[in-house]
PDB file of N, CA and C in Angstrom:
ATOM      1  N   MET A   1     -65.551 -52.533 -31.809  1.00  0.00           N
ATOM      2  CA  MET A   1     -64.784 -52.681 -33.042  1.00  0.00           C
ATOM      3  C   MET A   1     -63.707 -51.607 -33.079  1.00  0.00           C
ATOM      4  N   SER A   2     -62.544 -52.003 -33.455  1.00  0.00           N
ATOM      5  CA  SER A   2     -61.421 -51.077 -33.513  1.00  0.00           C
ATOM      6  C   SER A   2     -61.185 -50.645 -34.949  1.00  0.00           C
ATOM      7  N   VAL A   3     -61.295 -49.353 -35.180  1.00  0.00           N
ATOM      8  CA  VAL A   3     -61.075 -48.820 -36.520  1.00  0.00           C
ATOM      9  C   VAL A   3     -59.759 -48.056 -36.505  1.00  0.00           C
ATOM     10  N   PRO A   4     -58.716 -48.531 -37.214  1.00  0.00           N
ATOM     11  CA  PRO A   4     -57.462 -47.780 -37.224  1.00  0.00           C
ATOM     12  C   PRO A   4     -57.606 -46.527 -38.081  1.00  0.00           C
ATOM     13  N   THR A   5     -57.260 -45.380 -37.525  1.00  0.00           N
ATOM     14  CA  THR A   5     -57.363 -44.121 -38.252  1.00  0.00           C
ATOM     15  C   THR A   5     -56.202 -43.238 -37.871  1.00  0.00           C
ATOM     16  N   ALA A   6     -55.458 -42.849 -38.842  1.00  0.00           N
ATOM     17  CA  ALA A   6     -54.338 -41.931 -38.609  1.00  0.00           C
ATOM     18  C   ALA A   6     -53.518 -42.389 -37.405  1.00  0.00           C
ATOM     19  N   GLY A   7     -53.336 -43.708 -37.306  1.00  0.00           N
ATOM     20  CA  GLY A   7     -52.557 -44.232 -36.203  1.00  0.00           C
ATOM     21  C   GLY A   7     -53.329 -44.343 -34.896  1.00  0.00           C
ATOM     22  N   ARG A   8     -54.617 -44.031 -34.901  1.00  0.00           N
ATOM     23  CA  ARG A   8     -55.437 -44.070 -33.693  1.00  0.00           C
ATOM     24  C   ARG A   8     -56.601 -45.038 -33.878  1.00  0.00           C
ATOM     25  N   THR A   9     -56.868 -45.840 -32.877  1.00  0.00           N
ATOM     26  CA  THR A   9     -58.041 -46.706 -32.896  1.00  0.00           C
ATOM     27  C   THR A   9     -59.158 -46.022 -32.115  1.00  0.00           C
ATOM     28  N   THR A  10     -60.372 -46.521 -32.266  1.00  0.00           N
ATOM     29  CA  THR A  10     -61.472 -45.942 -31.493  1.00  0.00           C
ATOM     30  C   THR A  10     -61.210 -46.109 -29.995  1.00  0.00           C
ATOM     31  N   GLU A  11     -60.559 -47.221 -29.610  1.00  0.00           N
ATOM     32  CA  GLU A  11     -60.237 -47.422 -28.193  1.00  0.00           C
ATOM     33  C   GLU A  11     -59.256 -46.357 -27.705  1.00  0.00           C
ATOM     34  N   GLU A  12     -58.250 -46.045 -28.509  1.00  0.00           N
ATOM     35  CA  GLU A  12     -57.288 -45.008 -28.138  1.00  0.00           C
ATOM     36  C   GLU A  12     -57.972 -43.646 -28.056  1.00  0.00           C
ATOM     37  N   LEU A  13     -58.868 -43.381 -28.984  1.00  0.00           N
ATOM     38  CA  LEU A  13     -59.599 -42.113 -28.968  1.00  0.00           C
ATOM     39  C   LEU A  13     -60.528 -42.037 -27.764  1.00  0.00           C
ATOM     40  N   THR A  14     -61.139 -43.165 -27.396  1.00  0.00           N
ATOM     41  CA  THR A  14     -61.996 -43.202 -26.215  1.00  0.00           C
ATOM     42  C   THR A  14     -61.185 -42.874 -24.967  1.00  0.00           C
ATOM     43  N   THR A  15     -59.997 -43.447 -24.862  1.00  0.00           N
ATOM     44  CA  THR A  15     -59.123 -43.169 -23.721  1.00  0.00           C
ATOM     45  C   THR A  15     -58.706 -41.705 -23.711  1.00  0.00           C
ATOM     46  N   TRP A  16     -58.309 -41.197 -24.872  1.00  0.00           N
ATOM     47  CA  TRP A  16     -57.894 -39.796 -24.975  1.00  0.00           C
ATOM     48  C   TRP A  16     -59.033 -38.871 -24.556  1.00  0.00           C
ATOM     49  N   LEU A  17     -60.237 -39.135 -25.077  1.00  0.00           N
ATOM     50  CA  LEU A  17     -61.392 -38.304 -24.741  1.00  0.00           C
ATOM     51  C   LEU A  17     -61.734 -38.400 -23.250  1.00  0.00           C
ATOM     52  N   SER A  18     -61.702 -39.604 -22.700  1.00  0.00           N
ATOM     53  CA  SER A  18     -62.009 -39.786 -21.276  1.00  0.00           C
ATOM     54  C   SER A  18     -61.024 -39.018 -20.412  1.00  0.00           C
ATOM     55  N   ASP A  19     -59.742 -39.083 -20.777  1.00  0.00           N
ATOM     56  CA  ASP A  19     -58.712 -38.349 -20.031  1.00  0.00           C
ATOM     57  C   ASP A  19     -58.970 -36.845 -20.085  1.00  0.00           C
ATOM     58  N   ARG A  20     -59.272 -36.346 -21.287  1.00  0.00           N
ATOM     59  CA  ARG A  20     -59.488 -34.914 -21.490  1.00  0.00           C
ATOM     60  C   ARG A  20     -60.718 -34.436 -20.729  1.00  0.00           C
ATOM     61  N   ILE A  21     -61.810 -35.184 -20.881  1.00  0.00           N
ATOM     62  CA  ILE A  21     -63.072 -34.798 -20.244  1.00  0.00           C
ATOM     63  C   ILE A  21     -62.946 -34.872 -18.726  1.00  0.00           C
ATOM     64  N   ALA A  22     -62.262 -35.882 -18.230  1.00  0.00           N
ATOM     65  CA  ALA A  22     -62.038 -35.999 -16.781  1.00  0.00           C
ATOM     66  C   ALA A  22     -61.286 -34.784 -16.263  1.00  0.00           C
ATOM     67  N   LEU A  23     -60.312 -34.315 -17.022  1.00  0.00           N
ATOM     68  CA  LEU A  23     -59.552 -33.135 -16.642  1.00  0.00           C
ATOM     69  C   LEU A  23     -60.466 -31.916 -16.515  1.00  0.00           C
ATOM     70  N   TYR A  24     -61.335 -31.710 -17.498  1.00  0.00           N
ATOM     71  CA  TYR A  24     -62.254 -30.562 -17.465  1.00  0.00           C
ATOM     72  C   TYR A  24     -63.230 -30.654 -16.298  1.00  0.00           C
ATOM     73  N   LEU A  25     -63.660 -31.891 -15.994  1.00  0.00           N
ATOM     74  CA  LEU A  25     -64.678 -32.085 -14.960  1.00  0.00           C
ATOM     75  C   LEU A  25     -64.090 -32.352 -13.579  1.00  0.00           C
ATOM     76  N   LYS A  26     -62.747 -32.323 -13.506  1.00  0.00           N
ATOM     77  CA  LYS A  26     -62.051 -32.579 -12.245  1.00  0.00           C
ATOM     78  C   LYS A  26     -62.471 -33.921 -11.638  1.00  0.00           C
ATOM     79  N   ARG A  27     -62.390 -34.950 -12.479  1.00  0.00           N
ATOM     80  CA  ARG A  27     -62.699 -36.321 -12.078  1.00  0.00           C
ATOM     81  C   ARG A  27     -61.551 -37.221 -12.499  1.00  0.00           C
ATOM     82  N   ALA A  28     -61.560 -38.444 -11.998  1.00  0.00           N
ATOM     83  CA  ALA A  28     -60.588 -39.438 -12.452  1.00  0.00           C
ATOM     84  C   ALA A  28     -61.079 -40.000 -13.789  1.00  0.00           C
ATOM     85  N   PRO A  29     -60.169 -40.243 -14.745  1.00  0.00           N
ATOM     86  CA  PRO A  29     -60.592 -40.765 -16.054  1.00  0.00           C
ATOM     87  C   PRO A  29     -61.420 -42.045 -15.953  1.00  0.00           C
ATOM     88  N   GLU A  30     -61.121 -42.891 -14.969  1.00  0.00           N
ATOM     89  CA  GLU A  30     -61.875 -44.137 -14.858  1.00  0.00           C
ATOM     90  C   GLU A  30     -63.315 -43.919 -14.394  1.00  0.00           C
ATOM     91  N   GLU A  31     -63.634 -42.706 -13.951  1.00  0.00           N
ATOM     92  CA  GLU A  31     -65.014 -42.376 -13.575  1.00  0.00           C
ATOM     93  C   GLU A  31     -65.872 -42.046 -14.799  1.00  0.00           C
ATOM     94  N   ILE A  32     -65.238 -41.828 -15.926  1.00  0.00           N
ATOM     95  CA  ILE A  32     -65.967 -41.450 -17.143  1.00  0.00           C
ATOM     96  C   ILE A  32     -66.359 -42.721 -17.899  1.00  0.00           C
ATOM     97  N   ASP A  33     -67.645 -43.009 -17.916  1.00  0.00           N
ATOM     98  CA  ASP A  33     -68.174 -44.183 -18.622  1.00  0.00           C
ATOM     99  C   ASP A  33     -68.445 -43.776 -20.070  1.00  0.00           C
ATOM    100  N   PRO A  34     -67.861 -44.488 -21.048  1.00  0.00           N
ATOM    101  CA  PRO A  34     -68.050 -44.115 -22.456  1.00  0.00           C
ATOM    102  C   PRO A  34     -69.500 -44.148 -22.931  1.00  0.00           C
ATOM    103  N   ALA A  35     -70.390 -44.800 -22.167  1.00  0.00           N
ATOM    104  CA  ALA A  35     -71.787 -44.914 -22.583  1.00  0.00           C
ATOM    105  C   ALA A  35     -72.712 -43.897 -21.897  1.00  0.00           C
ATOM    106  N   VAL A  36     -72.175 -43.139 -20.947  1.00  0.00           N
ATOM    107  CA  VAL A  36     -73.001 -42.172 -20.206  1.00  0.00           C
ATOM    108  C   VAL A  36     -72.947 -40.816 -20.915  1.00  0.00           C
ATOM    109  N   PRO A  37     -74.118 -40.193 -21.140  1.00  0.00           N
ATOM    110  CA  PRO A  37     -74.114 -38.868 -21.783  1.00  0.00           C
ATOM    111  C   PRO A  37     -73.253 -37.870 -21.016  1.00  0.00           C
ATOM    112  N   LEU A  38     -72.468 -37.111 -21.764  1.00  0.00           N
ATOM    113  CA  LEU A  38     -71.562 -36.138 -21.165  1.00  0.00           C
ATOM    114  C   LEU A  38     -72.302 -35.102 -20.331  1.00  0.00           C
ATOM    115  N   ALA A  39     -73.513 -34.764 -20.734  1.00  0.00           N
ATOM    116  CA  ALA A  39     -74.308 -33.793 -19.983  1.00  0.00           C
ATOM    117  C   ALA A  39     -74.581 -34.293 -18.570  1.00  0.00           C
ATOM    118  N   GLU A  40     -74.685 -35.606 -18.378  1.00  0.00           N
ATOM    119  CA  GLU A  40     -74.919 -36.154 -17.034  1.00  0.00           C
ATOM    120  C   GLU A  40     -73.712 -35.915 -16.124  1.00  0.00           C
ATOM    121  N   TYR A  41     -72.539 -35.746 -16.709  1.00  0.00           N
ATOM    122  CA  TYR A  41     -71.339 -35.446 -15.921  1.00  0.00           C
ATOM    123  C   TYR A  41     -71.192 -33.948 -15.669  1.00  0.00           C
ATOM    124  N   GLY A  42     -72.045 -33.155 -16.319  1.00  0.00           N
ATOM    125  CA  GLY A  42     -71.975 -31.712 -16.131  1.00  0.00           C
ATOM    126  C   GLY A  42     -71.088 -31.005 -17.144  1.00  0.00           C
ATOM    127  N   LEU A  43     -70.810 -31.657 -18.276  1.00  0.00           N
ATOM    128  CA  LEU A  43     -70.000 -31.009 -19.307  1.00  0.00           C
ATOM    129  C   LEU A  43     -70.764 -29.803 -19.843  1.00  0.00           C
ATOM    130  N   ASP A  44     -70.145 -28.631 -19.766  1.00  0.00           N
ATOM    131  CA  ASP A  44     -70.810 -27.418 -20.237  1.00  0.00           C
ATOM    132  C   ASP A  44     -70.217 -26.957 -21.564  1.00  0.00           C
ATOM    133  N   SER A  45     -70.762 -25.873 -22.081  1.00  0.00           N
ATOM    134  CA  SER A  45     -70.343 -25.391 -23.402  1.00  0.00           C
ATOM    135  C   SER A  45     -68.887 -24.935 -23.401  1.00  0.00           C
ATOM    136  N   VAL A  46     -68.418 -24.398 -22.282  1.00  0.00           N
ATOM    137  CA  VAL A  46     -67.019 -23.961 -22.207  1.00  0.00           C
ATOM    138  C   VAL A  46     -66.091 -25.169 -22.326  1.00  0.00           C
ATOM    139  N   ALA A  47     -66.396 -26.235 -21.589  1.00  0.00           N
ATOM    140  CA  ALA A  47     -65.582 -27.446 -21.658  1.00  0.00           C
ATOM    141  C   ALA A  47     -65.682 -28.081 -23.041  1.00  0.00           C
ATOM    142  N   ALA A  48     -66.871 -28.065 -23.637  1.00  0.00           N
ATOM    143  CA  ALA A  48     -67.049 -28.639 -24.973  1.00  0.00           C
ATOM    144  C   ALA A  48     -66.215 -27.871 -26.003  1.00  0.00           C
ATOM    145  N   LEU A  49     -66.193 -26.554 -25.884  1.00  0.00           N
ATOM    146  CA  LEU A  49     -65.400 -25.731 -26.793  1.00  0.00           C
ATOM    147  C   LEU A  49     -63.907 -25.995 -26.590  1.00  0.00           C
ATOM    148  N   SER A  50     -63.491 -26.143 -25.336  1.00  0.00           N
ATOM    149  CA  SER A  50     -62.095 -26.475 -25.044  1.00  0.00           C
ATOM    150  C   SER A  50     -61.732 -27.830 -25.632  1.00  0.00           C
ATOM    151  N   LEU A  51     -62.647 -28.784 -25.537  1.00  0.00           N
ATOM    152  CA  LEU A  51     -62.423 -30.109 -26.102  1.00  0.00           C
ATOM    153  C   LEU A  51     -62.225 -30.025 -27.614  1.00  0.00           C
ATOM    154  N   CYS A  52     -63.032 -29.219 -28.275  1.00  0.00           N
ATOM    155  CA  CYS A  52     -62.871 -29.028 -29.731  1.00  0.00           C
ATOM    156  C   CYS A  52     -61.494 -28.457 -30.049  1.00  0.00           C
ATOM    157  N   GLY A  53     -61.046 -27.508 -29.239  1.00  0.00           N
ATOM    158  CA  GLY A  53     -59.720 -26.931 -29.431  1.00  0.00           C
ATOM    159  C   GLY A  53     -58.627 -27.963 -29.245  1.00  0.00           C
ATOM    160  N   ASP A  54     -58.793 -28.839 -28.248  1.00  0.00           N
ATOM    161  CA  ASP A  54     -57.802 -29.893 -28.023  1.00  0.00           C
ATOM    162  C   ASP A  54     -57.759 -30.875 -29.183  1.00  0.00           C
ATOM    163  N   VAL A  55     -58.927 -31.224 -29.713  1.00  0.00           N
ATOM    164  CA  VAL A  55     -58.987 -32.130 -30.864  1.00  0.00           C
ATOM    165  C   VAL A  55     -58.278 -31.492 -32.050  1.00  0.00           C
ATOM    166  N   GLU A  56     -58.544 -30.210 -32.284  1.00  0.00           N
ATOM    167  CA  GLU A  56     -57.899 -29.511 -33.401  1.00  0.00           C
ATOM    168  C   GLU A  56     -56.380 -29.487 -33.213  1.00  0.00           C
ATOM    169  N   GLU A  57     -55.947 -29.212 -31.994  1.00  0.00           N
ATOM    170  CA  GLU A  57     -54.517 -29.127 -31.716  1.00  0.00           C
ATOM    171  C   GLU A  57     -53.826 -30.491 -31.837  1.00  0.00           C
ATOM    172  N   ASP A  58     -54.443 -31.526 -31.266  1.00  0.00           N
ATOM    173  CA  ASP A  58     -53.798 -32.841 -31.230  1.00  0.00           C
ATOM    174  C   ASP A  58     -53.964 -33.649 -32.515  1.00  0.00           C
ATOM    175  N   PHE A  59     -55.086 -33.446 -33.213  1.00  0.00           N
ATOM    176  CA  PHE A  59     -55.377 -34.275 -34.387  1.00  0.00           C
ATOM    177  C   PHE A  59     -55.497 -33.486 -35.684  1.00  0.00           C
ATOM    178  N   ASP A  60     -55.336 -32.165 -35.617  1.00  0.00           N
ATOM    179  CA  ASP A  60     -55.470 -31.299 -36.792  1.00  0.00           C
ATOM    180  C   ASP A  60     -56.819 -31.523 -37.472  1.00  0.00           C
ATOM    181  N   LEU A  61     -57.865 -31.587 -36.642  1.00  0.00           N
ATOM    182  CA  LEU A  61     -59.217 -31.844 -37.114  1.00  0.00           C
ATOM    183  C   LEU A  61     -60.139 -30.799 -36.496  1.00  0.00           C
ATOM    184  N   VAL A  62     -60.799 -30.009 -37.336  1.00  0.00           N
ATOM    185  CA  VAL A  62     -61.688 -28.957 -36.848  1.00  0.00           C
ATOM    186  C   VAL A  62     -63.084 -29.547 -36.649  1.00  0.00           C
ATOM    187  N   LEU A  63     -63.620 -29.366 -35.447  1.00  0.00           N
ATOM    188  CA  LEU A  63     -64.956 -29.851 -35.119  1.00  0.00           C
ATOM    189  C   LEU A  63     -65.887 -28.681 -34.851  1.00  0.00           C
ATOM    190  N   GLU A  64     -67.172 -28.901 -35.101  1.00  0.00           N
ATOM    191  CA  GLU A  64     -68.171 -27.897 -34.737  1.00  0.00           C
ATOM    192  C   GLU A  64     -68.280 -27.861 -33.212  1.00  0.00           C
ATOM    193  N   PRO A  65     -68.515 -26.702 -32.640  1.00  0.00           N
ATOM    194  CA  PRO A  65     -68.623 -26.605 -31.180  1.00  0.00           C
ATOM    195  C   PRO A  65     -69.774 -27.437 -30.598  1.00  0.00           C
ATOM    196  N   THR A  66     -70.731 -27.810 -31.422  1.00  0.00           N
ATOM    197  CA  THR A  66     -71.885 -28.595 -30.958  1.00  0.00           C
ATOM    198  C   THR A  66     -71.609 -30.099 -30.944  1.00  0.00           C
ATOM    199  N   VAL A  67     -70.388 -30.504 -31.267  1.00  0.00           N
ATOM    200  CA  VAL A  67     -70.085 -31.927 -31.418  1.00  0.00           C
ATOM    201  C   VAL A  67     -70.383 -32.729 -30.156  1.00  0.00           C
ATOM    202  N   ALA A  68     -70.188 -32.146 -28.975  1.00  0.00           N
ATOM    203  CA  ALA A  68     -70.446 -32.872 -27.723  1.00  0.00           C
ATOM    204  C   ALA A  68     -71.938 -33.123 -27.514  1.00  0.00           C
ATOM    205  N   TRP A  69     -72.771 -32.360 -28.200  1.00  0.00           N
ATOM    206  CA  TRP A  69     -74.213 -32.595 -28.104  1.00  0.00           C
ATOM    207  C   TRP A  69     -74.676 -33.450 -29.273  1.00  0.00           C
ATOM    208  N   ASP A  70     -74.017 -33.337 -30.412  1.00  0.00           N
ATOM    209  CA  ASP A  70     -74.355 -34.184 -31.562  1.00  0.00           C
ATOM    210  C   ASP A  70     -73.961 -35.637 -31.309  1.00  0.00           C
ATOM    211  N   TYR A  71     -72.881 -35.835 -30.582  1.00  0.00           N
ATOM    212  CA  TYR A  71     -72.364 -37.162 -30.222  1.00  0.00           C
ATOM    213  C   TYR A  71     -72.210 -37.141 -28.699  1.00  0.00           C
ATOM    214  N   PRO A  72     -73.305 -37.400 -27.971  1.00  0.00           N
ATOM    215  CA  PRO A  72     -73.363 -37.070 -26.546  1.00  0.00           C
ATOM    216  C   PRO A  72     -72.614 -37.986 -25.566  1.00  0.00           C
ATOM    217  N   THR A  73     -72.002 -39.047 -26.048  1.00  0.00           N
ATOM    218  CA  THR A  73     -71.233 -39.900 -25.142  1.00  0.00           C
ATOM    219  C   THR A  73     -69.783 -39.983 -25.632  1.00  0.00           C
ATOM    220  N   VAL A  74     -68.885 -40.388 -24.748  1.00  0.00           N
ATOM    221  CA  VAL A  74     -67.489 -40.555 -25.151  1.00  0.00           C
ATOM    222  C   VAL A  74     -67.401 -41.585 -26.271  1.00  0.00           C
ATOM    223  N   GLY A  75     -68.168 -42.659 -26.166  1.00  0.00           N
ATOM    224  CA  GLY A  75     -68.145 -43.699 -27.196  1.00  0.00           C
ATOM    225  C   GLY A  75     -68.584 -43.174 -28.557  1.00  0.00           C
ATOM    226  N   ALA A  76     -69.682 -42.428 -28.578  1.00  0.00           N
ATOM    227  CA  ALA A  76     -70.181 -41.868 -29.837  1.00  0.00           C
ATOM    228  C   ALA A  76     -69.198 -40.854 -30.410  1.00  0.00           C
ATOM    229  N   LEU A  77     -68.634 -40.050 -29.543  1.00  0.00           N
ATOM    230  CA  LEU A  77     -67.674 -39.032 -29.980  1.00  0.00           C
ATOM    231  C   LEU A  77     -66.396 -39.673 -30.510  1.00  0.00           C
ATOM    232  N   ALA A  78     -65.933 -40.729 -29.852  1.00  0.00           N
ATOM    233  CA  ALA A  78     -64.731 -41.436 -30.319  1.00  0.00           C
ATOM    234  C   ALA A  78     -64.960 -42.048 -31.697  1.00  0.00           C
ATOM    235  N   THR A  79     -66.135 -42.627 -31.903  1.00  0.00           N
ATOM    236  CA  THR A  79     -66.459 -43.207 -33.213  1.00  0.00           C
ATOM    237  C   THR A  79     -66.500 -42.114 -34.275  1.00  0.00           C
ATOM    238  N   HIS A  80     -67.118 -40.980 -33.943  1.00  0.00           N
ATOM    239  CA  HIS A  80     -67.169 -39.854 -34.882  1.00  0.00           C
ATOM    240  C   HIS A  80     -65.764 -39.352 -35.214  1.00  0.00           C
ATOM    241  N   LEU A  81     -64.916 -39.216 -34.201  1.00  0.00           N
ATOM    242  CA  LEU A  81     -63.543 -38.781 -34.446  1.00  0.00           C
ATOM    243  C   LEU A  81     -62.803 -39.773 -35.339  1.00  0.00           C
ATOM    244  N   ALA A  82     -62.975 -41.060 -35.064  1.00  0.00           N
ATOM    245  CA  ALA A  82     -62.305 -42.084 -35.868  1.00  0.00           C
ATOM    246  C   ALA A  82     -62.739 -41.979 -37.321  1.00  0.00           C
ATOM    247  N   GLU A  83     -64.034 -41.818 -37.535  1.00  0.00           N
ATOM    248  CA  GLU A  83     -64.566 -41.693 -38.914  1.00  0.00           C
ATOM    249  C   GLU A  83     -64.060 -40.411 -39.570  1.00  0.00           C
ATOM    250  N   SER A  84     -64.035 -39.322 -38.823  1.00  0.00           N
ATOM    251  CA  SER A  84     -63.562 -38.042 -39.368  1.00  0.00           C
ATOM    252  C   SER A  84     -62.075 -38.109 -39.715  1.00  0.00           C
ATOM    253  N   LEU A  85     -61.291 -38.725 -38.845  1.00  0.00           N
ATOM    254  CA  LEU A  85     -59.861 -38.869 -39.114  1.00  0.00           C
ATOM    255  C   LEU A  85     -59.622 -39.763 -40.323  1.00  0.00           C
ATOM    256  N   ALA A  86     -60.421 -40.818 -40.454  1.00  0.00           N
ATOM    257  CA  ALA A  86     -60.288 -41.708 -41.614  1.00  0.00           C
ATOM    258  C   ALA A  86     -60.616 -40.960 -42.895  1.00  0.00           C
ATOM    259  N   ALA A  87     -61.668 -40.131 -42.846  1.00  0.00           N
ATOM    260  CA  ALA A  87     -62.058 -39.346 -44.020  1.00  0.00           C
ATOM    261  C   ALA A  87     -60.984 -38.341 -44.378  1.00  0.00           C
ATOM    262  N   GLU A  88     -60.401 -37.688 -43.364  1.00  0.00           N
ATOM    263  CA  GLU A  88     -59.311 -36.739 -43.596  1.00  0.00           C
ATOM    264  C   GLU A  88     -58.110 -37.446 -44.217  1.00  0.00           C
ATOM    265  N   GLY A  89     -57.795 -38.626 -43.693  1.00  0.00           N
ATOM    266  CA  GLY A  89     -56.661 -39.398 -44.214  1.00  0.00           C
ATOM    267  C   GLY A  89     -56.889 -39.815 -45.651  1.00  0.00           C
ATOM    268  N   ALA A  90     -58.127 -40.190 -45.975  1.00  0.00           N
ATOM    269  CA  ALA A  90     -58.441 -40.609 -47.336  1.00  0.00           C
ATOM    270  C   ALA A  90     -58.412 -39.422 -48.299  1.00  0.00           C
ATOM    271  N   ALA A  91     -58.740 -38.235 -47.781  1.00  0.00           N
ATOM    272  CA  ALA A  91     -58.771 -37.050 -48.626  1.00  0.00           C
ATOM    273  C   ALA A  91     -57.377 -36.505 -48.917  1.00  0.00           C
ATOM    274  N   SER A  92     -56.397 -36.854 -48.078  1.00  0.00           N
ATOM    275  CA  SER A  92     -55.066 -36.267 -48.288  1.00  0.00           C
ATOM    276  C   SER A  92     -54.135 -37.203 -48.995  1.00  0.00           C
TER     277      SER A  92
END
């Protein structure tokens, strides 16, 4: 399901997250399966913290550093981002 949020759909967020995570893990974005837990790819706390910084920079959305463990797959994280962006948009 595609949820439009702040000009971003969950599919766009999934692509953005896959690209970012692939960069941290030195993999091709197409190797990142949205349903596979990020820990299985070797995502560590440093990369997770960097990802939070990128989200804040690109989307002006502050995330807890534990977000990659609270939402352990790209798909779950993209859905959470979409919901958070929608909530931010509704609040402003």
